[in-house]
Amino acid sequence: MSLLVFLCPSQAPAAREEEPPADFICPITTELMVDPVMAADGHAYERTAMERWLATKSTSPMTGEALEHTFLSTIHVLRRQIREWQQARA
């Protein structure tokens, strides 16, 4: 720890306050995803948010275009990256 950080804690790196990468944020909830899924439009969403969306709509939340199907595929790599990002800031 540098002397500056020790004397002025406000100068410490703000790792815990760092904004998550945009790819980690659900475009529906605007919150950090926990269970990211890929929809037919090729975009990632939080599973529960997209399931609620699909309960009343058959369009893409991002484009408004009709979705070819409503199957949601888990994005394991993105979920792991989000967890690693969170753990690095814990």
N, C-alpha and C. Protein backbone atom coordinates (compact mmCIF):
# COMPACT_ATOMS: atom_id res chain seq x y z
N MET A 1 0.85 -1.17 0.00
CA MET A 1 0.00 0.00 0.00
C MET A 1 0.90 1.23 0.00
N SER A 2 0.58 2.16 -0.86
CA SER A 2 1.39 3.38 -0.92
C SER A 2 1.09 4.27 0.27
N LEU A 3 2.02 5.14 0.57
CA LEU A 3 1.85 6.08 1.67
C LEU A 3 0.66 6.99 1.43
N LEU A 4 0.45 7.39 0.18
CA LEU A 4 -0.67 8.26 -0.16
C LEU A 4 -2.00 7.58 0.16
N VAL A 5 -2.12 6.31 -0.18
CA VAL A 5 -3.35 5.58 0.09
C VAL A 5 -3.55 5.43 1.59
N PHE A 6 -2.47 5.18 2.31
CA PHE A 6 -2.55 5.03 3.76
C PHE A 6 -3.00 6.33 4.42
N LEU A 7 -2.44 7.45 3.96
CA LEU A 7 -2.77 8.74 4.56
C LEU A 7 -4.10 9.30 4.06
N CYS A 8 -4.44 9.02 2.83
CA CYS A 8 -5.68 9.53 2.22
C CYS A 8 -6.46 8.38 1.62
N PRO A 9 -7.24 7.68 2.42
CA PRO A 9 -7.98 6.52 1.89
C PRO A 9 -8.84 6.87 0.69
N SER A 10 -9.24 8.13 0.55
CA SER A 10 -10.05 8.50 -0.61
C SER A 10 -9.28 8.38 -1.91
N GLN A 11 -7.95 8.27 -1.81
CA GLN A 11 -7.12 8.11 -3.01
C GLN A 11 -6.94 6.63 -3.39
N ALA A 12 -7.49 5.74 -2.59
CA ALA A 12 -7.37 4.31 -2.87
C ALA A 12 -8.15 3.96 -4.12
N PRO A 13 -7.69 2.94 -4.85
CA PRO A 13 -8.43 2.51 -6.04
C PRO A 13 -9.86 2.15 -5.66
N ALA A 14 -10.79 2.56 -6.47
CA ALA A 14 -12.21 2.33 -6.18
C ALA A 14 -12.70 1.05 -6.84
N ALA A 15 -12.04 -0.05 -6.56
CA ALA A 15 -12.37 -1.32 -7.21
C ALA A 15 -13.82 -1.72 -6.93
N ARG A 16 -14.28 -1.51 -5.71
CA ARG A 16 -15.64 -1.93 -5.37
C ARG A 16 -16.69 -1.04 -6.02
N GLU A 17 -16.31 0.17 -6.36
CA GLU A 17 -17.26 1.11 -6.95
C GLU A 17 -17.18 1.11 -8.48
N GLU A 18 -16.27 0.34 -9.03
CA GLU A 18 -16.07 0.30 -10.47
C GLU A 18 -17.34 -0.20 -11.17
N GLU A 19 -17.69 0.48 -12.24
CA GLU A 19 -18.86 0.08 -13.02
C GLU A 19 -18.56 -1.22 -13.76
N PRO A 20 -19.52 -2.13 -13.82
CA PRO A 20 -19.30 -3.37 -14.56
C PRO A 20 -19.24 -3.10 -16.06
N PRO A 21 -18.56 -3.96 -16.80
CA PRO A 21 -18.56 -3.82 -18.26
C PRO A 21 -19.99 -3.82 -18.80
N ALA A 22 -20.22 -3.08 -19.84
CA ALA A 22 -21.56 -2.95 -20.42
C ALA A 22 -22.15 -4.30 -20.81
N ASP A 23 -21.32 -5.23 -21.24
CA ASP A 23 -21.80 -6.56 -21.64
C ASP A 23 -22.36 -7.36 -20.47
N PHE A 24 -22.07 -6.93 -19.23
CA PHE A 24 -22.54 -7.63 -18.04
C PHE A 24 -23.90 -7.11 -17.59
N ILE A 25 -24.40 -6.08 -18.23
CA ILE A 25 -25.64 -5.42 -17.82
C ILE A 25 -26.80 -5.86 -18.72
N CYS A 26 -27.90 -6.24 -18.10
CA CYS A 26 -29.10 -6.61 -18.85
C CYS A 26 -29.74 -5.36 -19.43
N PRO A 27 -30.03 -5.34 -20.72
CA PRO A 27 -30.66 -4.16 -21.31
C PRO A 27 -32.11 -3.95 -20.86
N ILE A 28 -32.73 -4.96 -20.28
CA ILE A 28 -34.10 -4.81 -19.79
C ILE A 28 -34.09 -4.21 -18.38
N THR A 29 -33.30 -4.80 -17.49
CA THR A 29 -33.29 -4.37 -16.09
C THR A 29 -32.27 -3.28 -15.81
N THR A 30 -31.30 -3.14 -16.69
CA THR A 30 -30.13 -2.25 -16.52
C THR A 30 -29.35 -2.60 -15.24
N GLU A 31 -29.39 -3.87 -14.86
CA GLU A 31 -28.65 -4.35 -13.70
C GLU A 31 -27.70 -5.46 -14.12
N LEU A 32 -26.74 -5.75 -13.25
CA LEU A 32 -25.78 -6.81 -13.49
C LEU A 32 -26.52 -8.13 -13.63
N MET A 33 -26.21 -8.88 -14.68
CA MET A 33 -26.88 -10.16 -14.90
C MET A 33 -26.32 -11.22 -13.95
N VAL A 34 -27.18 -12.15 -13.56
CA VAL A 34 -26.81 -13.28 -12.73
C VAL A 34 -26.87 -14.55 -13.56
N ASP A 35 -27.89 -14.66 -14.39
CA ASP A 35 -28.12 -15.83 -15.24
C ASP A 35 -28.34 -15.36 -16.68
N PRO A 36 -27.25 -14.97 -17.36
CA PRO A 36 -27.40 -14.43 -18.71
C PRO A 36 -27.81 -15.49 -19.73
N VAL A 37 -28.72 -15.09 -20.61
CA VAL A 37 -29.18 -15.97 -21.68
C VAL A 37 -29.12 -15.23 -23.01
N MET A 38 -29.00 -16.00 -24.07
CA MET A 38 -29.03 -15.45 -25.43
C MET A 38 -30.41 -15.70 -26.01
N ALA A 39 -31.00 -14.65 -26.53
CA ALA A 39 -32.31 -14.76 -27.19
C ALA A 39 -32.10 -14.86 -28.70
N ALA A 40 -33.18 -15.07 -29.42
CA ALA A 40 -33.12 -15.23 -30.87
C ALA A 40 -32.55 -14.01 -31.58
N ASP A 41 -32.60 -12.85 -30.94
CA ASP A 41 -32.07 -11.63 -31.56
C ASP A 41 -30.56 -11.50 -31.42
N GLY A 42 -29.93 -12.47 -30.73
CA GLY A 42 -28.48 -12.45 -30.56
C GLY A 42 -27.99 -11.60 -29.40
N HIS A 43 -28.90 -11.05 -28.62
CA HIS A 43 -28.53 -10.22 -27.48
C HIS A 43 -28.62 -11.02 -26.19
N ALA A 44 -27.85 -10.60 -25.19
CA ALA A 44 -27.85 -11.24 -23.88
C ALA A 44 -28.80 -10.49 -22.95
N TYR A 45 -29.53 -11.27 -22.14
CA TYR A 45 -30.48 -10.72 -21.18
C TYR A 45 -30.42 -11.54 -19.90
N GLU A 46 -30.88 -10.95 -18.80
CA GLU A 46 -31.08 -11.71 -17.57
C GLU A 46 -32.26 -12.65 -17.81
N ARG A 47 -32.08 -13.92 -17.46
CA ARG A 47 -33.10 -14.93 -17.75
C ARG A 47 -34.49 -14.53 -17.26
N THR A 48 -34.62 -14.17 -15.99
CA THR A 48 -35.95 -13.88 -15.45
C THR A 48 -36.58 -12.67 -16.14
N ALA A 49 -35.77 -11.68 -16.48
CA ALA A 49 -36.30 -10.49 -17.16
C ALA A 49 -36.80 -10.86 -18.55
N MET A 50 -36.04 -11.68 -19.26
CA MET A 50 -36.44 -12.05 -20.62
C MET A 50 -37.65 -12.98 -20.59
N GLU A 51 -37.72 -13.86 -19.59
CA GLU A 51 -38.89 -14.73 -19.47
C GLU A 51 -40.15 -13.90 -19.22
N ARG A 52 -40.05 -12.88 -18.38
CA ARG A 52 -41.20 -11.99 -18.14
C ARG A 52 -41.57 -11.25 -19.43
N TRP A 53 -40.55 -10.79 -20.16
CA TRP A 53 -40.78 -10.10 -21.43
C TRP A 53 -41.54 -11.01 -22.39
N LEU A 54 -41.06 -12.24 -22.52
CA LEU A 54 -41.65 -13.18 -23.48
C LEU A 54 -43.04 -13.65 -23.07
N ALA A 55 -43.40 -13.49 -21.83
CA ALA A 55 -44.74 -13.88 -21.37
C ALA A 55 -45.82 -13.00 -22.01
N THR A 56 -45.43 -11.80 -22.45
CA THR A 56 -46.43 -10.89 -23.03
C THR A 56 -46.06 -10.36 -24.41
N LYS A 57 -44.83 -10.63 -24.84
CA LYS A 57 -44.38 -10.09 -26.13
C LYS A 57 -43.62 -11.15 -26.91
N SER A 58 -43.57 -11.00 -28.22
CA SER A 58 -42.79 -11.91 -29.06
C SER A 58 -41.80 -11.13 -29.91
N THR A 59 -41.37 -9.99 -29.37
CA THR A 59 -40.43 -9.13 -30.09
C THR A 59 -39.14 -8.98 -29.29
N SER A 60 -38.12 -8.50 -29.97
CA SER A 60 -36.84 -8.23 -29.33
C SER A 60 -36.92 -6.96 -28.49
N PRO A 61 -36.47 -7.01 -27.24
CA PRO A 61 -36.44 -5.79 -26.43
C PRO A 61 -35.47 -4.75 -26.99
N MET A 62 -34.49 -5.20 -27.74
CA MET A 62 -33.47 -4.30 -28.28
C MET A 62 -33.88 -3.66 -29.60
N THR A 63 -34.54 -4.43 -30.46
CA THR A 63 -34.82 -3.93 -31.81
C THR A 63 -36.30 -3.74 -32.10
N GLY A 64 -37.15 -4.40 -31.32
CA GLY A 64 -38.58 -4.35 -31.60
C GLY A 64 -39.02 -5.30 -32.70
N GLU A 65 -38.06 -5.96 -33.33
CA GLU A 65 -38.36 -6.92 -34.40
C GLU A 65 -38.94 -8.21 -33.81
N ALA A 66 -39.75 -8.90 -34.60
CA ALA A 66 -40.30 -10.19 -34.18
C ALA A 66 -39.17 -11.20 -33.98
N LEU A 67 -39.27 -11.98 -32.91
CA LEU A 67 -38.28 -13.03 -32.65
C LEU A 67 -38.67 -14.28 -33.42
N GLU A 68 -37.69 -14.96 -33.99
CA GLU A 68 -37.96 -16.18 -34.75
C GLU A 68 -38.41 -17.31 -33.84
N HIS A 69 -37.95 -17.30 -32.59
CA HIS A 69 -38.34 -18.31 -31.60
C HIS A 69 -38.15 -17.71 -30.21
N THR A 70 -38.62 -18.41 -29.21
CA THR A 70 -38.52 -17.91 -27.83
C THR A 70 -37.58 -18.74 -26.97
N PHE A 71 -36.79 -19.59 -27.60
CA PHE A 71 -35.82 -20.40 -26.86
C PHE A 71 -34.73 -19.50 -26.30
N LEU A 72 -34.38 -19.69 -25.04
CA LEU A 72 -33.31 -18.94 -24.40
C LEU A 72 -32.16 -19.88 -24.08
N SER A 73 -30.97 -19.52 -24.51
CA SER A 73 -29.79 -20.35 -24.33
C SER A 73 -28.88 -19.73 -23.27
N THR A 74 -28.52 -20.52 -22.25
CA THR A 74 -27.62 -20.03 -21.20
C THR A 74 -26.27 -19.68 -21.80
N ILE A 75 -25.73 -18.54 -21.39
CA ILE A 75 -24.40 -18.12 -21.85
C ILE A 75 -23.43 -18.41 -20.70
N HIS A 76 -22.90 -19.62 -20.66
CA HIS A 76 -22.04 -20.07 -19.57
C HIS A 76 -20.78 -19.23 -19.45
N VAL A 77 -20.17 -18.88 -20.56
CA VAL A 77 -18.93 -18.10 -20.54
C VAL A 77 -19.18 -16.72 -19.92
N LEU A 78 -20.25 -16.07 -20.31
CA LEU A 78 -20.56 -14.75 -19.77
C LEU A 78 -20.88 -14.84 -18.28
N ARG A 79 -21.62 -15.86 -17.89
CA ARG A 79 -21.94 -16.04 -16.46
C ARG A 79 -20.66 -16.20 -15.64
N ARG A 80 -19.72 -16.98 -16.16
CA ARG A 80 -18.44 -17.17 -15.47
C ARG A 80 -17.66 -15.86 -15.39
N GLN A 81 -17.64 -15.09 -16.48
CA GLN A 81 -16.93 -13.82 -16.49
C GLN A 81 -17.53 -12.85 -15.47
N ILE A 82 -18.84 -12.82 -15.36
CA ILE A 82 -19.50 -11.94 -14.40
C ILE A 82 -19.13 -12.35 -12.98
N ARG A 83 -19.16 -13.64 -12.69
CA ARG A 83 -18.80 -14.12 -11.35
C ARG A 83 -17.35 -13.79 -11.03
N GLU A 84 -16.45 -13.98 -11.99
CA GLU A 84 -15.04 -13.66 -11.76
C GLU A 84 -14.86 -12.16 -11.52
N TRP A 85 -15.59 -11.35 -12.26
CA TRP A 85 -15.51 -9.90 -12.08
C TRP A 85 -15.98 -9.52 -10.68
N GLN A 86 -17.08 -10.14 -10.23
CA GLN A 86 -17.60 -9.86 -8.89
C GLN A 86 -16.62 -10.30 -7.80
N GLN A 87 -16.05 -11.49 -7.97
CA GLN A 87 -15.11 -12.02 -6.97
C GLN A 87 -13.86 -11.16 -6.87
N ALA A 88 -13.42 -10.61 -7.99
CA ALA A 88 -12.23 -9.76 -7.99
C ALA A 88 -12.46 -8.46 -7.24
N ARG A 89 -13.72 -8.10 -7.05
CA ARG A 89 -14.06 -6.85 -6.38
C ARG A 89 -14.63 -7.06 -4.98
N ALA A 90 -14.69 -8.32 -4.55
CA ALA A 90 -15.28 -8.62 -3.22
C ALA A 90 -14.30 -8.30 -2.11
